[in-house]
């Protein structure tokens, strides 16, 4: 058999080791992810290993689509608040962007709107697209 070609018996051995089945619980998800991780850790995979990995990945994707909570779409000040919490920042950490702590406070409380300059500087500061601050339509 040529190198890189498909070997049905090798694929069947992979299936015998951990038969792919629809995932129905967190325990099954973790077990499947453990097998996926062990395959990925091998480095370069044979075509059979790659096919098997694709099958397991599809099963994980299907489970996550059915069971995972969607990530809420946040923007504007709500996004800013989430980023502040994620990066464990204080209002004074944003003074270089807003010029004063009172402006930071006013924006976070909804008394002032984010300006285009604020958004550009925040995008640079957090290394995200400025578009993230705008509501998608």
Protein backbone atom coordinates (compact mmCIF):
# COMPACT_ATOMS: atom_id res chain seq x y z
CA UNK A 1 0.00 0.00 0.00
CA UNK A 2 1.29 3.46 -0.87
CA UNK A 3 2.18 5.92 1.89
CA UNK A 4 -0.68 8.30 2.64
CA UNK A 5 -3.32 6.00 1.17
CA UNK A 6 -6.37 4.81 3.04
CA UNK A 7 -6.15 1.55 4.96
CA UNK A 8 -9.58 0.23 5.82
CA UNK A 9 -8.27 -2.13 8.52
CA UNK A 10 -6.44 0.73 10.30
CA UNK A 11 -9.65 2.81 10.29
CA UNK A 12 -11.64 -0.12 11.66
CA UNK A 13 -9.09 -0.52 14.48
CA UNK A 14 -9.61 3.13 15.42
CA UNK A 15 -13.37 2.60 15.46
CA UNK A 16 -12.98 -0.53 17.63
CA UNK A 17 -10.87 1.43 20.13
CA UNK A 18 -13.52 4.15 20.59
CA UNK A 19 -16.68 3.60 18.54
CA UNK A 20 -18.10 6.93 17.34
CA UNK A 21 -21.67 7.43 18.49
CA UNK A 22 -23.95 10.42 18.87
CA UNK A 23 -23.01 12.21 22.10
CA UNK A 24 -25.78 12.31 24.68
CA UNK A 25 -24.15 13.57 27.88
CA UNK A 26 -21.33 15.71 29.27
CA UNK A 27 -19.45 12.51 30.23
CA UNK A 28 -19.61 11.24 26.66
CA UNK A 29 -18.53 14.66 25.40
CA UNK A 30 -15.49 14.66 27.70
CA UNK A 31 -14.56 11.11 26.65
CA UNK A 32 -14.80 12.05 22.97
CA UNK A 33 -12.75 15.21 23.51
CA UNK A 34 -10.10 13.14 25.28
CA UNK A 35 -9.77 10.87 22.22
CA UNK A 36 -9.66 13.94 19.94
CA UNK A 37 -6.90 15.47 22.08
CA UNK A 38 -4.86 12.25 21.97
CA UNK A 39 -5.09 12.20 18.17
CA UNK A 40 -4.12 15.86 17.86
CA UNK A 41 -1.16 15.32 20.20
CA UNK A 42 0.26 12.73 17.78
CA UNK A 43 1.21 15.43 15.32
CA UNK A 44 0.95 14.39 11.69
CA UNK A 45 -1.97 12.03 11.19
CA UNK A 46 -2.50 9.29 8.65
CA UNK A 47 -5.47 9.73 6.31
CA UNK A 48 -7.38 7.15 8.40
CA UNK A 49 -6.65 9.01 11.63
CA UNK A 50 -7.70 12.27 9.99
CA UNK A 51 -10.98 10.74 8.83
CA UNK A 52 -11.63 9.35 12.31
CA UNK A 53 -10.81 12.74 13.85
CA UNK A 54 -13.24 14.42 11.45
CA UNK A 55 -16.01 12.01 12.45
CA UNK A 56 -15.42 12.64 16.17
CA UNK A 57 -15.22 16.38 15.57
CA UNK A 58 -18.57 16.28 13.77
CA UNK A 59 -20.15 14.48 16.71
CA UNK A 60 -18.81 17.08 19.16
CA UNK A 61 -20.02 19.91 16.93
CA UNK A 62 -23.49 18.36 16.68
CA UNK A 63 -23.70 17.95 20.47
CA UNK A 64 -22.55 21.52 21.11
CA UNK A 65 -25.08 22.92 18.64
CA UNK A 66 -27.88 21.18 20.53
CA UNK A 67 -26.72 21.72 24.11
CA UNK A 68 -24.52 24.78 24.44
CA UNK A 69 -25.96 28.11 25.51
CA UNK A 70 -25.55 30.70 22.76
CA UNK A 71 -23.10 33.47 23.49
CA UNK A 72 -25.09 36.67 23.82
CA UNK A 73 -24.41 39.32 21.21
CA UNK A 74 -23.25 42.36 23.16
CA UNK A 75 -21.97 45.67 21.89
CA UNK A 76 -21.31 49.24 22.93
CA UNK A 77 -21.12 49.96 26.65
CA UNK A 78 -22.19 46.40 27.54
CA UNK A 79 -19.21 45.08 25.59
CA UNK A 80 -16.96 47.60 27.30
CA UNK A 81 -18.21 46.49 30.72
CA UNK A 82 -17.60 42.84 29.82
CA UNK A 83 -14.07 43.62 28.63
CA UNK A 84 -13.33 45.59 31.81
CA UNK A 85 -14.45 42.60 33.88
CA UNK A 86 -12.58 40.09 31.71
CA UNK A 87 -9.33 42.04 31.93
CA UNK A 88 -9.91 42.89 35.61
CA UNK A 89 -9.53 46.62 34.92
CA UNK A 90 -10.51 49.65 36.96
CA UNK A 91 -12.01 52.85 35.57
CA UNK A 92 -8.73 54.68 36.04
CA UNK A 93 -7.06 52.14 33.70
CA UNK A 94 -9.13 53.67 30.88
CA UNK A 95 -8.19 57.31 31.51
CA UNK A 96 -5.71 57.28 28.58
CA UNK A 97 -8.68 56.54 26.31
CA UNK A 98 -11.32 58.80 27.86
CA UNK A 99 -9.08 61.60 29.24
CA UNK A 100 -10.74 61.68 32.70
CA UNK A 101 -12.21 59.17 35.12
CA UNK A 102 -15.45 61.17 35.20
CA UNK A 103 -15.90 60.60 31.45
CA UNK A 104 -15.26 56.87 31.94
CA UNK A 105 -17.88 56.84 34.68
CA UNK A 106 -20.38 58.81 32.58
CA UNK A 107 -19.98 56.43 29.63
CA UNK A 108 -20.33 53.33 31.81
CA UNK A 109 -23.44 54.73 33.51
CA UNK A 110 -25.07 55.64 30.18
CA UNK A 111 -24.90 59.41 30.77
CA UNK A 112 -22.54 59.82 27.78
CA UNK A 113 -22.24 57.93 24.53
CA UNK A 114 -19.11 56.36 23.15
CA UNK A 115 -17.58 58.57 20.48
CA UNK A 116 -15.83 57.37 17.33
CA UNK A 117 -12.51 58.31 18.94
CA UNK A 118 -13.34 56.30 22.07
CA UNK A 119 -14.28 53.29 19.96
CA UNK A 120 -11.10 53.47 17.88
CA UNK A 121 -8.92 53.75 21.01
CA UNK A 122 -10.84 50.96 22.80
CA UNK A 123 -10.46 48.69 19.77
CA UNK A 124 -6.70 49.32 19.78
CA UNK A 125 -6.49 48.85 23.55
CA UNK A 126 -8.39 45.53 23.58
CA UNK A 127 -7.05 44.36 20.18
CA UNK A 128 -10.51 43.88 18.67
CA UNK A 129 -12.31 45.28 15.67
CA UNK A 130 -14.06 48.62 16.18
CA UNK A 131 -17.09 46.95 14.58
CA UNK A 132 -17.50 44.89 17.76
CA UNK A 133 -18.82 47.99 19.51
CA UNK A 134 -21.67 48.46 17.03
CA UNK A 135 -24.92 46.54 17.07
CA UNK A 136 -25.14 44.14 14.14
CA UNK A 137 -28.30 44.43 12.11
